[in-house]
Amino acid sequence: MACFGAGVQLVSWQNWSGNVRCPRSRIERPSDVNALAKLIHAHRGSGALRALGSGHSFVPFWADGDTLLDLSALSGLQAVADGVARFSAGTPLHAIGPMLAPHDLALVNMGDIDRQTLAGAVATGTHGTGRGLGSLSSAVEALELVDGSGRIHRVDADGALDAARVGLGLLGVMTAIEIRVIPAYGLLERNQRESVEHCLEQFDSRLEQHRHHEFWWVPKLDVCISKTLDSIAMPEEPRLDELPFGAEGERWGASWQVFPSVRDLKFNEMEYAIPATAGLDCFRAVRRCMLEQFPKLFWPVEYRILAGDAGWLSPTAGGEVATVSIHLAAEEDPTALFAAVEPILRDHGGRPHWGKRHTLARADLEALYPRLADFLALRREWDPDDRFLTGYLAELFL
């Protein structure tokens, strides 16, 4: 920890994978929404105001010299009514299931990592898989945020919800999120190892037969790990032994217990959402590229399907998509791998996951997001002094 100026302490912080480092940043920990609003209203000087979340993004949403907002005090379930649960925005995803369980409720869908905060997952369009099932942000009914002037907004379907649901923290700092919930349910997970040809032949039928379906492809072995999840009655005796990656087997339990997988090894990631009709062709092209250029790579490619939504900046806006995700160990330089694969993802009509690596410029965004101009106008209205813009975000949204 370093000191800079009278009464100001600067700390060193890095994101989950370690590829974004802020060696001299200030961290503020507002105790409630009003304290946060006062802090934002009073902010002066250089550096942006950025919520930390869990740091589980791989792009520089944060920069050295920023004021980083730790919202861990804004956590917990506030209320449940009429199929909607209101959470404080700093609530970790892994805490939501246990909070909803006494009410016999659950989230509609989740991804296989639950270390993020709810606000961070919503703001970046984070998702799971399943035909007809959308991202976490698509299930948001309303949200509360503090804008760049310190004003508190409640945003719902009668207002700017489709702009704010995937907002990257550019419209304000989320403080509460109202999200659809359904009766609690169990899940049965089955994993099997199979040839690429068999996996692709069975993919469409499995999408129809199972609530969730995805596969992982391992370049070094040129095999697939197919994963299905099916709804079951809440089991009296769950079986929750973690299935090591690549292992066949099954487990079951409450949905919030089965969705997540352990991620002990840190990585960096690139992911694009591809129109579903082009998804498998895109995967085949990625496979050819990687077998030719990176045949010894053990880190897998993940392929998922999810429903479209109406978010102005949502990578899944407009219709069903397939997502193709490329991973590499955090200690390795992913530049060559990502540079080889990204043109293929873009050529198939892809849009990048906002929290994952990409090289798009402002002109690219204008072509991909028809409501971008509307979003930028709202951003200027709600953050007129650019308090939420890092240098990276300014290049894309200023």
Protein backbone atom coordinates (compact mmCIF):
# COMPACT_ATOMS: atom_id res chain seq x y z
CA MET A 1 0.00 0.00 0.00
CA ALA A 2 1.28 3.47 -0.88
CA CYS A 3 0.29 6.92 0.33
CA PHE A 4 -0.22 9.84 -2.03
CA GLY A 5 -1.25 13.26 -0.81
CA ALA A 6 -2.86 14.18 2.46
CA GLY A 7 -5.12 11.44 3.75
CA VAL A 8 -5.29 9.51 0.47
CA GLN A 9 -4.14 5.89 0.47
CA LEU A 10 -3.40 4.16 -2.80
CA VAL A 11 -3.51 0.39 -3.11
CA SER A 12 -2.47 -2.17 -5.67
CA TRP A 13 -5.31 -4.17 -7.23
CA GLN A 14 -5.61 -6.67 -10.09
CA ASN A 15 -8.45 -8.52 -11.74
CA TRP A 16 -9.13 -12.24 -11.31
CA SER A 17 -6.78 -13.44 -14.05
CA GLY A 18 -4.10 -10.84 -13.33
CA ASN A 19 -4.02 -9.34 -16.84
CA VAL A 20 -5.41 -5.97 -15.64
CA ARG A 21 -3.30 -4.32 -12.95
CA CYS A 22 -3.90 -1.07 -11.08
CA PRO A 23 -0.84 -0.53 -8.84
CA ARG A 24 -1.87 2.92 -7.58
CA SER A 25 -5.64 3.16 -7.15
CA ARG A 26 -7.95 4.34 -4.43
CA ILE A 27 -10.67 2.02 -3.11
CA GLU A 28 -13.88 3.42 -1.63
CA ARG A 29 -16.35 1.27 0.31
CA PRO A 30 -19.70 3.09 0.54
CA SER A 31 -21.92 1.78 3.33
CA ASP A 32 -25.22 2.30 1.51
CA VAL A 33 -26.83 3.81 -1.58
CA ASN A 34 -26.93 7.34 -0.18
CA ALA A 35 -23.24 7.21 0.71
CA LEU A 36 -22.47 6.03 -2.82
CA ALA A 37 -24.56 8.85 -4.33
CA LYS A 38 -22.72 11.45 -2.25
CA LEU A 39 -19.35 9.96 -3.22
CA ILE A 40 -20.17 10.09 -6.94
CA HIS A 41 -21.59 13.60 -6.73
CA ALA A 42 -18.45 14.86 -4.98
CA HIS A 43 -15.95 13.10 -7.28
CA ARG A 44 -13.41 15.48 -8.81
CA GLY A 45 -10.06 15.15 -10.49
CA SER A 46 -8.50 12.59 -12.78
CA GLY A 47 -9.41 8.93 -12.95
CA ALA A 48 -12.75 7.24 -13.42
CA LEU A 49 -15.14 5.80 -10.85
CA ARG A 50 -15.50 2.06 -11.47
CA ALA A 51 -17.23 -0.66 -9.49
CA LEU A 52 -14.90 -3.54 -8.70
CA GLY A 53 -17.36 -6.42 -8.72
CA SER A 54 -15.30 -9.59 -8.46
CA GLY A 55 -12.82 -8.52 -11.14
CA HIS A 56 -13.90 -11.47 -13.29
CA SER A 57 -13.55 -9.62 -16.60
CA PHE A 58 -10.53 -9.76 -18.88
CA VAL A 59 -10.68 -6.26 -20.40
CA PRO A 60 -9.55 -2.99 -18.75
CA PHE A 61 -12.81 -1.81 -17.25
CA TRP A 62 -10.48 -0.40 -14.56
CA ALA A 63 -7.31 1.67 -14.98
CA ASP A 64 -4.45 2.72 -12.75
CA GLY A 65 -5.38 5.88 -10.89
CA ASP A 66 -9.13 5.17 -10.93
CA THR A 67 -11.26 5.29 -7.82
CA LEU A 68 -12.46 1.70 -7.40
CA LEU A 69 -15.81 1.12 -5.71
CA ASP A 70 -16.09 -1.91 -3.43
CA LEU A 71 -19.85 -2.54 -3.12
CA SER A 72 -19.63 -5.55 -0.81
CA ALA A 73 -21.75 -3.63 1.74
CA LEU A 74 -24.54 -3.52 -0.83
CA SER A 75 -25.25 -7.24 -0.74
CA GLY A 76 -28.21 -9.43 0.10
CA LEU A 77 -31.81 -10.29 -0.72
CA GLN A 78 -34.09 -7.32 -0.11
CA ALA A 79 -37.52 -8.65 -1.06
CA VAL A 80 -39.42 -11.34 -2.99
CA ALA A 81 -42.86 -10.84 -4.53
CA ASP A 82 -44.82 -12.06 -7.54
CA GLY A 83 -42.00 -14.05 -9.10
CA VAL A 84 -39.43 -11.26 -8.80
CA ALA A 85 -36.56 -11.08 -6.30
CA ARG A 86 -34.85 -7.80 -5.45
CA PHE A 87 -31.16 -8.10 -4.61
CA SER A 88 -28.57 -5.54 -3.65
CA ALA A 89 -26.31 -5.28 -6.68
CA GLY A 90 -23.11 -6.35 -4.94
CA THR A 91 -24.53 -9.77 -4.07
CA PRO A 92 -22.22 -12.58 -5.28
CA LEU A 93 -23.88 -15.07 -7.61
CA HIS A 94 -22.86 -17.97 -5.38
CA ALA A 95 -24.90 -16.44 -2.52
CA ILE A 96 -28.14 -16.10 -4.47
CA GLY A 97 -29.19 -19.76 -4.45
CA PRO A 98 -28.94 -20.15 -0.66
CA MET A 99 -30.83 -16.86 -0.22
CA LEU A 100 -33.69 -17.97 -2.48
CA ALA A 101 -33.85 -21.55 -1.16
CA PRO A 102 -35.93 -20.73 1.98
CA HIS A 103 -38.51 -19.19 -0.37
CA ASP A 104 -38.49 -22.33 -2.58
CA LEU A 105 -37.32 -20.22 -5.52
CA ALA A 106 -34.37 -20.19 -7.93
CA LEU A 107 -32.89 -18.25 -10.83
CA VAL A 108 -34.12 -19.30 -14.26
CA ASN A 109 -30.59 -19.87 -15.56
CA MET A 110 -26.95 -19.48 -14.52
CA GLY A 111 -23.53 -19.92 -16.04
CA ASP A 112 -20.93 -22.40 -14.84
CA ILE A 113 -18.95 -19.79 -12.91
CA ASP A 114 -20.60 -18.18 -9.88
CA ARG A 115 -17.80 -15.98 -8.50
CA GLN A 116 -19.09 -12.78 -10.15
CA THR A 117 -21.32 -10.22 -8.49
CA LEU A 118 -24.88 -9.95 -9.77
CA ALA A 119 -24.28 -6.40 -11.04
CA GLY A 120 -21.12 -7.37 -12.89
CA ALA A 121 -22.77 -10.38 -14.52
CA VAL A 122 -25.82 -8.37 -15.59
CA ALA A 123 -23.82 -5.38 -16.85
CA THR A 124 -21.66 -7.52 -19.16
CA GLY A 125 -24.37 -9.91 -20.44
CA THR A 126 -22.94 -12.97 -18.69
CA HIS A 127 -24.91 -16.14 -19.45
CA GLY A 128 -25.33 -19.88 -19.27
CA THR A 129 -26.70 -22.16 -21.97
CA GLY A 130 -30.03 -23.61 -23.09
CA ARG A 131 -32.43 -23.19 -25.99
CA GLY A 132 -35.04 -20.60 -25.05
CA LEU A 133 -33.06 -19.49 -22.01
CA GLY A 134 -31.41 -16.08 -21.98
CA SER A 135 -28.60 -14.36 -20.13
CA LEU A 136 -28.92 -13.10 -16.57
CA SER A 137 -29.53 -9.59 -17.88
CA SER A 138 -32.51 -10.80 -19.93
CA ALA A 139 -34.26 -11.83 -16.70
CA VAL A 140 -33.96 -8.37 -15.13
CA GLU A 141 -37.32 -6.68 -14.57
CA ALA A 142 -35.97 -3.44 -13.09
CA LEU A 143 -32.81 -2.02 -11.59
CA GLU A 144 -31.63 0.88 -9.48
CA LEU A 145 -28.49 2.84 -10.27
CA VAL A 146 -26.69 6.01 -9.31
CA ASP A 147 -25.76 8.12 -12.33
CA GLY A 148 -22.72 10.33 -12.87
CA SER A 149 -24.34 13.29 -11.13
CA GLY A 150 -25.21 11.29 -8.03
CA ARG A 151 -28.89 10.94 -8.90
CA ILE A 152 -30.65 7.67 -8.04
CA HIS A 153 -32.74 6.13 -10.84
CA ARG A 154 -35.17 3.22 -10.79
CA VAL A 155 -35.15 1.86 -14.33
CA ASP A 156 -37.88 -0.48 -15.56
CA ALA A 157 -39.63 -1.53 -18.75
CA ASP A 158 -41.36 1.84 -18.99
CA GLY A 159 -37.99 3.58 -19.06
CA ALA A 160 -34.47 2.82 -20.22
CA LEU A 161 -34.22 -0.78 -19.04
CA ASP A 162 -33.10 -2.17 -22.39
CA ALA A 163 -30.28 0.39 -22.43
CA ALA A 164 -29.26 -0.16 -18.81
CA ARG A 165 -29.46 -3.94 -18.49
CA VAL A 166 -26.16 -4.42 -20.36
CA GLY A 167 -24.60 -1.04 -19.62
CA LEU A 168 -20.96 -1.83 -18.75
CA GLY A 169 -21.18 0.60 -15.84
CA LEU A 170 -21.36 3.51 -18.30
CA LEU A 171 -24.79 4.81 -17.27
CA GLY A 172 -24.20 4.53 -13.55
CA VAL A 173 -23.36 2.24 -10.67
CA MET A 174 -26.02 -0.41 -10.11
CA THR A 175 -27.24 -0.63 -6.52
CA ALA A 176 -30.22 -3.02 -6.74
CA ILE A 177 -31.51 -5.51 -9.31
CA GLU A 178 -34.98 -7.02 -9.59
CA ILE A 179 -34.78 -10.34 -11.41
CA ARG A 180 -37.31 -13.01 -12.38
CA VAL A 181 -37.28 -16.19 -10.33
CA ILE A 182 -39.14 -19.50 -10.64
CA PRO A 183 -40.03 -22.38 -8.30
CA ALA A 184 -36.92 -24.16 -7.03
CA TYR A 185 -35.82 -27.12 -9.13
CA GLY A 186 -33.14 -29.75 -9.19
CA LEU A 187 -30.70 -30.51 -11.98
CA LEU A 188 -29.15 -33.74 -13.21
CA GLU A 189 -25.80 -33.22 -14.94
CA ARG A 190 -24.33 -35.79 -17.33
CA ASN A 191 -20.93 -35.51 -19.00
CA GLN A 192 -19.63 -37.82 -21.71
CA ARG A 193 -16.54 -37.93 -23.88
CA GLU A 194 -17.05 -38.49 -27.60
CA SER A 195 -15.72 -37.86 -31.06
CA VAL A 196 -16.19 -34.47 -32.64
CA GLU A 197 -18.24 -35.96 -35.46
CA HIS A 198 -20.68 -37.67 -33.09
CA CYS A 199 -20.99 -34.59 -30.90
CA LEU A 200 -21.89 -32.35 -33.84
CA GLU A 201 -24.29 -34.91 -35.32
CA GLN A 202 -26.19 -35.10 -32.03
CA PHE A 203 -26.07 -31.42 -31.12
CA ASP A 204 -29.42 -30.22 -32.46
CA SER A 205 -31.37 -33.21 -31.14
CA ARG A 206 -29.77 -32.81 -27.71
CA LEU A 207 -30.77 -29.15 -27.65
CA GLU A 208 -34.38 -30.25 -28.02
CA GLN A 209 -34.15 -33.11 -25.55
CA HIS A 210 -32.41 -31.35 -22.65
CA ARG A 211 -32.97 -28.15 -20.68
CA HIS A 212 -29.30 -27.26 -21.14
CA HIS A 213 -26.68 -28.58 -23.53
CA GLU A 214 -23.13 -27.51 -24.38
CA PHE A 215 -19.85 -29.06 -25.36
CA TRP A 216 -16.15 -28.49 -24.88
CA TRP A 217 -13.63 -29.34 -27.58
CA VAL A 218 -10.00 -30.08 -26.62
CA PRO A 219 -7.61 -29.34 -29.52
CA LYS A 220 -4.74 -31.53 -28.29
CA LEU A 221 -6.98 -34.60 -28.13
CA ASP A 222 -9.46 -33.56 -30.83
CA VAL A 223 -12.34 -34.89 -28.76
CA CYS A 224 -15.44 -33.32 -27.25
CA ILE A 225 -16.85 -33.35 -23.74
CA SER A 226 -20.61 -33.13 -24.03
CA LYS A 227 -22.61 -31.81 -21.05
CA THR A 228 -26.37 -31.92 -20.48
CA LEU A 229 -28.47 -30.63 -17.60
CA ASP A 230 -32.07 -31.70 -17.04
CA SER A 231 -34.66 -30.53 -14.54
CA ILE A 232 -35.53 -33.00 -11.80
CA ALA A 233 -37.49 -32.83 -8.57
CA MET A 234 -35.48 -31.38 -5.70
CA PRO A 235 -33.43 -34.39 -4.56
CA GLU A 236 -33.49 -35.46 -0.92
CA GLU A 237 -29.95 -36.80 -1.24
CA PRO A 238 -27.86 -34.68 -3.63
CA ARG A 239 -24.73 -36.04 -5.21
CA LEU A 240 -22.42 -33.11 -5.72
CA ASP A 241 -18.97 -34.61 -6.21
CA GLU A 242 -17.16 -32.39 -8.70
CA LEU A 243 -16.61 -34.04 -12.08
CA PRO A 244 -12.99 -33.39 -13.15
CA PHE A 245 -12.78 -31.81 -16.56
CA GLY A 246 -12.82 -34.49 -19.23
CA ALA A 247 -14.29 -37.14 -16.93
CA GLU A 248 -17.52 -38.92 -17.70
CA GLY A 249 -20.20 -39.21 -15.05
CA GLU A 250 -23.18 -37.54 -13.48
CA ARG A 251 -24.19 -35.57 -10.42
CA TRP A 252 -27.37 -33.97 -9.13
CA GLY A 253 -28.69 -31.48 -6.62
CA ALA A 254 -30.46 -28.13 -6.36
CA SER A 255 -29.99 -26.04 -9.49
CA TRP A 256 -27.73 -23.51 -7.78
CA GLN A 257 -25.50 -26.34 -6.56
CA VAL A 258 -25.13 -28.01 -9.97
CA PHE A 259 -24.78 -25.05 -12.34
CA PRO A 260 -21.30 -23.93 -11.17
CA SER A 261 -18.07 -25.81 -11.73
CA VAL A 262 -14.81 -25.33 -9.89
CA ARG A 263 -12.33 -23.09 -11.71
CA ASP A 264 -9.04 -23.53 -9.85
CA LEU A 265 -6.84 -22.69 -12.85
CA LYS A 266 -6.92 -19.06 -13.92
CA PHE A 267 -7.21 -18.14 -17.58
CA ASN A 268 -7.91 -15.36 -20.06
CA GLU A 269 -10.77 -15.72 -22.49
CA MET A 270 -12.23 -14.51 -25.77
CA GLU A 271 -15.88 -15.17 -26.57
CA TYR A 272 -18.15 -14.14 -29.42
CA ALA A 273 -21.89 -14.61 -29.85
CA ILE A 274 -22.61 -15.91 -33.35
CA PRO A 275 -26.06 -16.09 -35.00
CA ALA A 276 -27.17 -19.62 -34.16
CA THR A 277 -27.65 -20.58 -37.80
CA ALA A 278 -23.93 -19.95 -38.40
CA GLY A 279 -22.72 -21.33 -35.09
CA LEU A 280 -21.55 -24.82 -35.99
CA ASP A 281 -19.97 -23.64 -39.25
CA CYS A 282 -18.05 -21.10 -37.17
CA PHE A 283 -16.94 -23.78 -34.73
CA ARG A 284 -15.74 -25.99 -37.59
CA ALA A 285 -13.67 -23.12 -38.98
CA VAL A 286 -12.20 -22.42 -35.54
CA ARG A 287 -11.35 -26.10 -35.17
CA ARG A 288 -9.55 -26.20 -38.52
CA CYS A 289 -7.55 -23.11 -37.60
CA MET A 290 -6.52 -24.40 -34.20
CA LEU A 291 -5.62 -27.90 -35.40
CA GLU A 292 -3.36 -26.28 -37.95
CA GLN A 293 -1.79 -23.57 -35.78
CA PHE A 294 -2.21 -24.73 -32.15
CA PRO A 295 -2.52 -28.53 -32.27
CA LYS A 296 -0.93 -29.09 -28.84
CA LEU A 297 -3.25 -26.74 -26.96
CA PHE A 298 -5.07 -28.47 -24.11
CA TRP A 299 -7.23 -25.50 -23.08
CA PRO A 300 -10.70 -26.14 -24.52
CA VAL A 301 -13.12 -24.29 -26.75
CA GLU A 302 -16.62 -24.01 -25.28
CA TYR A 303 -19.80 -23.98 -27.39
CA ARG A 304 -23.18 -22.93 -26.02
CA ILE A 305 -26.64 -21.83 -27.23
CA LEU A 306 -28.90 -19.20 -25.68
CA ALA A 307 -31.90 -17.07 -26.51
CA GLY A 308 -31.73 -13.56 -27.84
CA ASP A 309 -32.91 -10.49 -25.93
CA ALA A 310 -33.66 -6.78 -26.36
CA GLY A 311 -30.66 -5.18 -24.68
CA TRP A 312 -29.28 -2.30 -26.77
CA LEU A 313 -25.69 -3.43 -26.18
CA SER A 314 -26.39 -7.10 -25.61
CA PRO A 315 -24.23 -9.47 -27.68
CA THR A 316 -27.34 -11.67 -27.88
CA ALA A 317 -29.71 -8.94 -29.08
CA GLY A 318 -32.07 -9.89 -31.85
CA GLY A 319 -32.24 -13.66 -31.83
CA GLU A 320 -30.83 -17.02 -30.77
CA VAL A 321 -27.05 -17.20 -30.70
CA ALA A 322 -24.25 -19.70 -30.33
CA THR A 323 -21.33 -18.61 -28.20
CA VAL A 324 -17.80 -19.76 -28.97
CA SER A 325 -15.28 -19.27 -26.16
CA ILE A 326 -11.49 -19.58 -26.44
CA HIS A 327 -9.36 -20.00 -23.29
CA LEU A 328 -5.68 -19.88 -22.42
CA ALA A 329 -3.83 -20.12 -19.10
CA ALA A 330 -3.44 -16.76 -17.35
CA GLU A 331 0.36 -17.05 -17.30
CA GLU A 332 0.56 -17.52 -21.09
CA ASP A 333 0.38 -14.75 -23.70
CA PRO A 334 -2.90 -15.23 -25.62
CA THR A 335 -2.11 -12.71 -28.37
CA ALA A 336 -1.30 -15.18 -31.15
CA LEU A 337 -4.17 -17.53 -30.33
CA PHE A 338 -6.79 -14.80 -30.08
CA ALA A 339 -5.47 -13.03 -33.20
CA ALA A 340 -5.81 -16.23 -35.22
CA VAL A 341 -9.34 -17.03 -34.07
CA GLU A 342 -10.99 -13.60 -33.79
CA PRO A 343 -11.27 -12.95 -37.56
CA ILE A 344 -13.17 -16.23 -37.91
CA LEU A 345 -15.59 -15.25 -35.15
CA ARG A 346 -16.13 -11.84 -36.73
CA ASP A 347 -16.53 -13.25 -40.25
CA HIS A 348 -19.45 -15.33 -38.98
CA GLY A 349 -21.30 -12.28 -37.71
CA GLY A 350 -20.09 -12.44 -34.12
CA ARG A 351 -20.35 -9.87 -31.36
CA PRO A 352 -17.90 -10.06 -28.45
CA HIS A 353 -18.74 -10.73 -24.83
CA TRP A 354 -18.09 -7.36 -23.19
CA GLY A 355 -16.12 -8.80 -20.30
CA LYS A 356 -13.79 -10.86 -22.48
CA ARG A 357 -10.91 -10.06 -24.81
CA HIS A 358 -11.58 -8.53 -28.23
CA THR A 359 -10.03 -5.94 -30.54
CA LEU A 360 -13.12 -4.15 -31.83
CA ALA A 361 -12.99 -0.40 -32.43
CA ARG A 362 -15.74 2.22 -32.33
CA ALA A 363 -16.52 1.83 -36.04
CA ASP A 364 -17.04 -1.91 -35.55
CA LEU A 365 -19.53 -1.29 -32.75
CA GLU A 366 -21.54 1.09 -34.91
CA ALA A 367 -21.99 -1.67 -37.46
CA LEU A 368 -22.95 -4.30 -34.88
CA TYR A 369 -25.28 -2.37 -32.56
CA PRO A 370 -28.13 -0.44 -34.25
CA ARG A 371 -29.05 1.31 -30.97
CA LEU A 372 -25.51 2.46 -30.20
CA ALA A 373 -26.25 6.12 -30.98
CA ASP A 374 -29.24 6.04 -28.61
CA PHE A 375 -27.09 4.48 -25.90
CA LEU A 376 -24.39 7.12 -26.34
CA ALA A 377 -26.95 9.92 -26.06
CA LEU A 378 -28.26 8.45 -22.82
CA ARG A 379 -24.71 8.02 -21.53
CA ARG A 380 -23.99 11.70 -22.13
CA GLU A 381 -27.19 12.60 -20.29
CA TRP A 382 -26.56 10.37 -17.27
CA ASP A 383 -22.78 10.83 -17.06
CA PRO A 384 -22.15 14.34 -18.45
CA ASP A 385 -18.74 14.63 -16.78
CA ASP A 386 -17.54 11.20 -17.99
CA ARG A 387 -16.95 9.97 -14.44
CA PHE A 388 -17.39 6.31 -15.42
CA LEU A 389 -15.10 6.32 -18.49
CA THR A 390 -11.68 4.71 -18.37
CA GLY A 391 -9.35 5.31 -21.28
CA TYR A 392 -10.28 1.93 -22.76
CA LEU A 393 -14.00 2.65 -22.58
CA ALA A 394 -13.55 6.20 -23.88
CA GLU A 395 -12.05 4.83 -27.11
CA LEU A 396 -15.26 2.87 -27.66
CA PHE A 397 -18.00 5.06 -26.19
CA LEU A 398 -16.92 8.71 -25.96
